[in-house]
Every structure is written in C-alpha cells, then in structure tokens.
Amino acid sequence: MNMNFELAKLLGIRYDLIVPVEVSAGIFFFSVIFYISWSLKIGNTQNLLDQLRSHLAKTDSNGLDALNTVISKTQDPKIKSLLYETRDNFIEVEGDLGTEYYSLKSYSDIWNARGLLTGRMNLSLFETMPNILIGAGLMFTFMFLAWALADAGGAMGVELQRKVSHYLQPILSHRFLNNLA
C-alpha cells in the first residue's frame, strides 16, 4: 500500500499534489522548530541580562568597583567577555569631584545583539530565514501554477490546447524570467 496515496485520500487532495504538500509541511515544520529554538535562546539571553541588571542594582558601589563585582558574579562566559571588554575600554579621569571613569567605546558598540547571541545560535541563518521562506513560497507558487496549467490543458481539447500554448508560452516565460530578475 502506498503511503502517499493513503495520505492524499485522507487529506482529500489529488495524488499528484501530495509531494508538494509534504515538502511544504516539512518546511513549515522545520521553520516552527527553528523559531521555537531561537526564541528560547533569545529569551534565555534576555533573562541573563535581567540578572545582570539586578546585580548592578544591588551593588552599593558605582563605577569600576560595581563592574568588577558584577564580573565576579556573572557565570555566562559570553556576557563575562562583554563585561571584560567594557572594563578594558574604561579610562580613569581625575577631577575636582574625584575619580571618574569614562568609556572610550560606545556601549552600544559592545552590547549589541550580534555580540550577545553569537555562539548561542546561527545568526546568519536566523537573519536569512525570511528570505529562504519567501523563496520557497515563490517556488511552490510556480510549481502549483504549472500543475494547474497542465491540468487545465488536459481538460481542453487538443486543438484548443495547442492554440492556448502557442499564445501563452512566450508571455508566461517572459514574465517568469522578469520575476526572477
């Protein structure tokens, strides 16, 4: 017994459409898995940053001492390396009001999404996933369109099918090529 035939009968669709439906379901399934996985990793990183913020709020000292206290309490290696980078960019300036610390590098250059999430997830795939899904959607659109035109051609008489093919082929191939460009 053919599983695709049984699945097509169960879903109430034609047998020749079951393979594209299976591929579409596979793409959807893996997209959902990636989305859930990435959401959990981003959520965990956000929780780590919330813990870091609460450690900073609890310290009585300020400036470099507070940063050193937070570095000693932080367990995550990626966040710890960003804290070290922040500390390494501090300069000490003596003034009338005492010692002040200033950063030579903008905090937004150090503490960005790429810096926090690199190593936790595949950022390149994460950033290109919408483009991949759009490309898959376009591919399936043209596949289903080709099957629909083939079925419509089969329903027409042979002479009418030849005339329609003769007139539509240059138009459809030109539009398809323009869509690809």
Foldseek 3Di string as FASTA:
>chain_A
DDPLVVVCVVVVHDSVCSVVVVVVVVLVVVVVVVVVLVVVLVVVLVVLVVVLVVQLVPDPDDDPVSLVSSLVVRDDPLVNVLSVVQNVQWDWDQDPVGIDIDGPDDNCVSDDPCSSCVVVDDVVCVVCVVVVVVVSVVVVVVVVVVVVLVVVLVVDDPVVSVVCCVVCVVVVVVVVVVVVD
